[in-house]
């Protein structure tokens, strides 16, 4: 009976083509939606994933990198006393107001003050050595390519952040931010741009370990020592997940995305089930003939489910090919899209679940596959 399902799809492909297109379109929407969600909300952890630090130290209760508060600079001594720590450097976050050479209106920028040394930890995976060296110049900044039009500035031009003049010395990629624009500069430049006199210390301290596999254990060991003031420690992976979860679930944006995903699933299931029902109805006399020859209804139901499986698989294949092309196009235009293995598996499960639901709905048409219909 499995062979019958495949042969039916081959010889009557026009009848099943609308169902394949419906599944493929729904799968494509799910794929692109997941990739955009991971890309957009994943940018909130760019500061962590784009750096080579193994442990982050910040103010207790911090839920995202952008929500950090100043900690006591003496905490650096506590980190350096730990035998597992190899390197420590401060990271300064400054909220800024941008005023460029062209009228762009108010633009919020997120200033990241980092160590411009060649072996610096912050943004070591996204910032080229040449651009990093230029940040050592006074008042030098680096911006992302996608933000040039928004900031209205080019390399060599000057602007002001919080009333302080800065000069663009380079353009990088992969620094797109959520809700603002990332600007990189040296720690000295960031301190000059910070107009809050109460911020006497770094926003975070980042550490590189001799053995990165011990990040969770070292972070646990660093927590709870109040002798150096209030602070807490996270492994880089834990802090990245914490930042993404905050923006995805606690800000309300994630609820809207999940609601939209449910709507896409329901609409796709409704359209696919109707096309499968139409295909089964078109073959009802053939199913009635098989029933008259002794093929049970349960066996016929397996045929319909097998057809639904192949419809889902072929639709998913088409959606995957087109989705990869669209994601490559999106990346060429600096649109943040990310697709990892768990997300791809989730998309596959959703699409095949949609096909299964549609197949179950189409099985109701087998009630008309009665041998008596052949006498009409």
Foldseek 3Di string as FASTA:
>chain_A
DLVVLVVCCVVVVVLQVLLLQLLLVLLLVLQQLLQLLCQALLLQLCQLVLFQFFKKKFFPPDQGPQRFDAFFQCVVVVQVPDPFFDDKDFKAWAWWWKFFPDDQDTAIEIEIAWALDQPTGTSNNFDDNVRSVVLVDAQEKEWEPLCCVNRVDDAQGWIDIQRHIHGYHYYTHDNDHHPHTYMYHHNVNVVVNHPDPVRPGGRMMTTHTPDSVCSQVVQVVSPDPCPRHGMGMDTSVVNSVSSSCCVLPVVCVVVVSVVVSVVSLVVSLVSSLVSLLSSCLVCLQVLLVVVVVPDDLVNVLVSLQSSLQVSLVSSNVVSVVVSVVVVVVCVVSSSGTDDDDVSVVVSSVSSSVSSNSSSVSSSVSNVSSHNVVVVD
